Amino acid sequence: MNSAIIVAGGSGTRMKSKTPKQFLLLAKKPFLLYSLEAFTQFDPDIQLVLVLPETFFLRWEEIVEQYNCSIPHTVMAGGETRFQSVKNGLEALNQDGLVAIHDGARPLLSQTLISRTFDTATTFGNAIPVVPVSESMRILEEAESRPIDRAHYRLVQTPQVFKIPLIKKAYQQDFDSGFTDDATVIEAMGETVHLVDGDTINIKITHPSDLAQAEFLVNHIPNVD
């Protein structure tokens, strides 16, 4: 069976808003709901786990009631790091199969991308969505810089999908500062990461300008809702 962990453990201070980022409105709806709905549309029987700071539990309950969210899901407390938050989310899984680990700050999640990652993980054990770098790049070296070939680089997205026994085993490792996403955690065990095409619409909302861009996409791009 399929599972999905939606990680929303941050405080969102870079959004410059008194409202936690997870609960900001996108097209009049808290954008965490978009991910819950997208995974449920993909698989109505999917096991959903939402990881939040424990101090936000009551606020989330109010949102679920206010927006009539009837999607079954389990809420788990986040940790001090993303690594610990994902590990806590994994503890809620009661089945084998595949699990998608998704950043709650990416609400514009398409069915095509979900299907692509799950299909690839079914074959290879994991799937990591990436997109090409579209701008010129330079690398800083002390007081100087030099251009680098952007064709050799990719930007990493979520959802990252894994066979559940594999990712649970990976998260038994001690935390390392080099664990920037779930792919780096399984790589530390010697696993090969399998890349799939990501989606340029699958943006991460970090700054106020990102939210404005997401609003535009929802209102003007077909099938983005």
Protein backbone atom coordinates (compact mmCIF):
# COMPACT_ATOMS: atom_id res chain seq x y z
CA MET A 1 0.00 0.00 0.00
CA ASN A 2 0.98 3.62 -0.45
CA SER A 3 1.79 6.17 2.23
CA ALA A 4 2.76 9.84 2.26
CA ILE A 5 4.42 11.95 4.93
CA ILE A 6 3.89 15.69 4.57
CA VAL A 7 6.55 17.55 6.54
CA ALA A 8 5.59 21.00 7.78
CA GLY A 9 7.79 21.39 10.82
CA GLY A 10 9.15 24.89 10.28
CA SER A 11 8.01 28.22 11.69
CA GLY A 12 8.11 30.15 8.40
CA THR A 13 9.90 33.22 9.72
CA ARG A 14 11.08 34.22 6.24
CA MET A 15 7.48 34.77 5.18
CA LYS A 16 7.38 37.85 7.47
CA SER A 17 3.91 36.91 8.66
CA LYS A 18 2.41 36.38 12.11
CA THR A 19 0.55 33.40 10.66
CA PRO A 20 2.71 30.23 10.49
CA LYS A 21 3.62 29.53 6.87
CA GLN A 22 1.83 26.19 6.91
CA PHE A 23 -1.49 27.93 7.49
CA LEU A 24 -1.23 30.81 5.05
CA LEU A 25 -3.96 30.97 2.44
CA LEU A 26 -3.42 30.13 -1.21
CA ALA A 27 -6.48 30.96 -3.29
CA LYS A 28 -8.49 31.21 -0.05
CA LYS A 29 -7.39 27.83 1.26
CA PRO A 30 -4.52 26.90 3.66
CA PHE A 31 -1.87 25.52 1.39
CA LEU A 32 -1.22 22.42 3.50
CA LEU A 33 -4.62 21.18 2.37
CA TYR A 34 -3.43 21.10 -1.25
CA SER A 35 -0.93 18.33 -0.55
CA LEU A 36 -3.42 16.26 1.45
CA GLU A 37 -5.91 16.54 -1.41
CA ALA A 38 -3.34 15.75 -4.11
CA PHE A 39 -2.18 12.50 -2.50
CA THR A 40 -5.78 11.46 -1.78
CA GLN A 41 -6.70 12.09 -5.41
CA PHE A 42 -3.79 9.88 -6.45
CA ASP A 43 -4.79 7.08 -4.08
CA PRO A 44 -7.98 7.36 -1.99
CA ASP A 45 -6.66 4.63 0.34
CA ILE A 46 -3.25 6.20 0.93
CA GLN A 47 -2.04 6.45 4.53
CA LEU A 48 -1.34 10.12 5.22
CA VAL A 49 0.89 11.48 7.98
CA LEU A 50 1.20 15.20 8.64
CA VAL A 51 4.21 16.35 10.69
CA LEU A 52 3.71 19.66 12.51
CA PRO A 53 5.29 21.45 15.45
CA GLU A 54 3.39 20.28 18.50
CA THR A 55 2.50 23.87 19.37
CA PHE A 56 0.49 24.05 16.11
CA PHE A 57 -1.71 21.00 16.76
CA LEU A 58 -4.67 22.97 18.10
CA ARG A 59 -4.52 25.47 15.23
CA TRP A 60 -4.52 22.59 12.75
CA GLU A 61 -7.59 21.08 14.39
CA GLU A 62 -9.35 24.42 13.98
CA ILE A 63 -8.39 24.55 10.28
CA VAL A 64 -9.63 21.00 9.68
CA GLU A 65 -12.98 21.96 11.16
CA GLN A 66 -13.19 25.38 9.48
CA TYR A 67 -12.48 23.99 5.99
CA ASN A 68 -14.43 20.76 6.44
CA CYS A 69 -11.41 18.58 5.76
CA SER A 70 -12.60 14.97 5.93
CA ILE A 71 -9.39 13.40 4.61
CA PRO A 72 -8.15 10.76 7.11
CA HIS A 73 -4.65 11.54 8.36
CA THR A 74 -2.40 11.15 11.38
CA VAL A 75 -0.66 14.16 12.94
CA MET A 76 2.83 13.67 14.39
CA ALA A 77 5.05 16.12 16.25
CA GLY A 78 8.04 17.54 14.39
CA GLY A 79 11.56 17.56 15.77
CA GLU A 80 14.33 20.11 16.05
CA THR A 81 15.59 19.18 12.57
CA ARG A 82 13.91 18.03 9.38
CA PHE A 83 15.71 14.71 9.86
CA GLN A 84 14.01 14.19 13.22
CA SER A 85 10.64 15.33 11.83
CA VAL A 86 10.77 12.76 9.03
CA LYS A 87 11.91 10.09 11.47
CA ASN A 88 8.92 10.87 13.69
CA GLY A 89 6.62 10.66 10.67
CA LEU A 90 8.01 7.28 9.68
CA GLU A 91 7.14 5.92 13.11
CA ALA A 92 3.46 6.41 12.30
CA LEU A 93 3.54 4.09 9.29
CA ASN A 94 1.90 0.74 9.96
CA GLN A 95 2.44 -0.92 6.59
CA ASP A 96 5.05 -1.75 3.96
CA GLY A 97 4.91 -0.55 0.38
CA LEU A 98 5.98 2.90 -0.78
CA VAL A 99 6.06 6.21 1.04
CA ALA A 100 6.28 9.67 -0.46
CA ILE A 101 8.03 12.24 1.73
CA HIS A 102 6.84 15.68 0.72
CA ASP A 103 7.63 19.21 1.80
CA GLY A 104 4.40 20.88 2.91
CA ALA A 105 5.73 24.13 1.48
CA ARG A 106 5.20 22.72 -2.04
CA PRO A 107 1.40 22.85 -2.48
CA LEU A 108 1.28 22.79 -6.30
CA LEU A 109 1.72 19.05 -6.57
CA SER A 110 0.53 17.50 -9.84
CA GLN A 111 -0.92 14.03 -10.31
CA THR A 112 1.60 13.46 -13.09
CA LEU A 113 4.52 14.06 -10.75
CA ILE A 114 3.10 11.86 -8.01
CA SER A 115 2.51 9.03 -10.48
CA ARG A 116 5.98 9.39 -11.99
CA THR A 117 7.73 9.16 -8.64
CA PHE A 118 5.68 6.21 -7.40
CA ASP A 119 6.12 4.31 -10.67
CA THR A 120 9.89 4.77 -10.63
CA ALA A 121 10.18 3.85 -6.95
CA THR A 122 8.18 0.68 -7.62
CA THR A 123 10.89 -0.39 -10.08
CA PHE A 124 14.06 0.95 -8.46
CA GLY A 125 13.23 1.38 -4.77
CA ASN A 126 13.37 5.17 -4.78
CA ALA A 127 12.60 8.18 -6.96
CA ILE A 128 13.86 11.76 -6.59
CA PRO A 129 12.31 14.53 -8.75
CA VAL A 130 14.71 17.10 -10.15
CA VAL A 131 14.56 20.02 -12.58
CA PRO A 132 17.34 21.55 -14.73
CA VAL A 133 18.95 24.81 -13.73
CA SER A 134 17.73 27.51 -16.09
CA GLU A 135 20.03 30.37 -15.07
CA SER A 136 23.76 30.90 -15.40
CA MET A 137 25.80 29.80 -12.40
CA ARG A 138 29.06 30.80 -10.78
CA ILE A 139 30.99 29.17 -7.96
CA LEU A 140 32.64 31.26 -5.26
CA GLU A 141 36.27 30.50 -4.49
CA GLU A 142 37.58 32.69 -1.69
CA ALA A 143 37.55 36.26 -3.04
CA GLU A 144 36.88 35.27 -6.65
CA SER A 145 34.28 33.41 -8.67
CA ARG A 146 34.17 31.45 -11.90
CA PRO A 147 31.38 30.19 -14.17
CA ILE A 148 30.30 26.57 -14.04
CA ASP A 149 28.37 24.49 -16.54
CA ARG A 150 24.75 24.44 -15.39
CA ALA A 151 24.08 21.37 -17.56
CA HIS A 152 25.73 19.26 -14.84
CA TYR A 153 23.41 20.47 -12.08
CA ARG A 154 19.81 19.79 -11.04
CA LEU A 155 17.49 21.34 -8.45
CA VAL A 156 15.95 18.75 -6.15
CA GLN A 157 12.24 18.67 -5.32
CA THR A 158 9.77 16.57 -3.39
CA PRO A 159 7.92 14.23 -3.16
CA GLN A 160 10.76 11.79 -2.82
CA VAL A 161 9.40 8.23 -2.82
CA PHE A 162 10.99 5.17 -1.20
CA LYS A 163 10.27 1.60 -0.31
CA ILE A 164 9.27 1.85 3.34
CA PRO A 165 11.71 -0.74 4.79
CA LEU A 166 14.58 1.04 2.98
CA ILE A 167 13.81 4.53 4.24
CA LYS A 168 13.05 3.34 7.77
CA LYS A 169 16.42 1.62 7.88
CA ALA A 170 18.12 4.75 6.55
CA TYR A 171 16.63 6.88 9.30
CA GLN A 172 18.13 4.65 11.97
CA GLN A 173 21.47 6.29 11.15
CA ASP A 174 22.80 9.05 13.35
CA PHE A 175 22.04 12.55 12.10
CA ASP A 176 24.63 14.17 9.85
CA SER A 177 24.67 17.81 8.77
CA GLY A 178 25.07 16.58 5.20
CA PHE A 179 21.53 15.17 5.27
CA THR A 180 19.85 17.94 3.28
CA ASP A 181 16.98 15.75 2.06
CA ASP A 182 15.83 12.14 2.20
CA ALA A 183 17.92 11.15 -0.82
CA THR A 184 21.13 12.06 1.00
CA VAL A 185 20.04 9.89 3.93
CA ILE A 186 19.69 6.73 1.84
CA GLU A 187 22.88 7.56 -0.09
CA ALA A 188 24.76 7.42 3.21
CA MET A 189 23.91 3.70 3.28
CA GLY A 190 25.40 3.19 -0.18
CA GLU A 191 22.09 3.22 -2.05
CA THR A 192 21.88 4.62 -5.59
CA VAL A 193 19.49 7.52 -6.05
CA HIS A 194 17.19 7.36 -9.08
CA LEU A 195 16.25 10.70 -10.63
CA VAL A 196 13.00 11.51 -12.40
CA ASP A 197 11.79 14.67 -14.11
CA GLY A 198 10.37 17.15 -11.64
CA ASP A 199 7.91 19.93 -12.36
CA THR A 200 8.75 23.63 -12.62
CA ILE A 201 5.32 24.48 -11.20
CA ASN A 202 6.15 22.50 -8.06
CA ILE A 203 7.64 25.55 -6.37
CA LYS A 204 8.62 25.82 -2.71
CA ILE A 205 6.96 28.66 -0.83
CA THR A 206 9.59 30.28 1.34
CA HIS A 207 9.29 34.03 0.76
CA PRO A 208 6.27 36.32 0.19
CA SER A 209 7.13 36.51 -3.52
CA ASP A 210 6.80 32.71 -3.76
CA LEU A 211 3.27 32.89 -2.41
CA ALA A 212 2.41 35.56 -4.96
CA GLN A 213 3.78 33.35 -7.75
CA ALA A 214 1.77 30.39 -6.48
CA GLU A 215 -1.40 32.51 -6.46
CA PHE A 216 -0.76 33.42 -10.09
CA LEU A 217 -0.21 29.79 -11.06
CA VAL A 218 -3.38 28.62 -9.33
CA ASN A 219 -5.43 31.33 -11.01
CA HIS A 220 -3.96 31.16 -14.53
CA ILE A 221 -2.55 27.68 -15.24
CA PRO A 222 -5.07 24.91 -16.07
CA ASN A 223 -5.19 21.99 -13.64
CA VAL A 224 -3.19 23.83 -10.96
CA ASP A 225 -5.53 23.89 -7.99
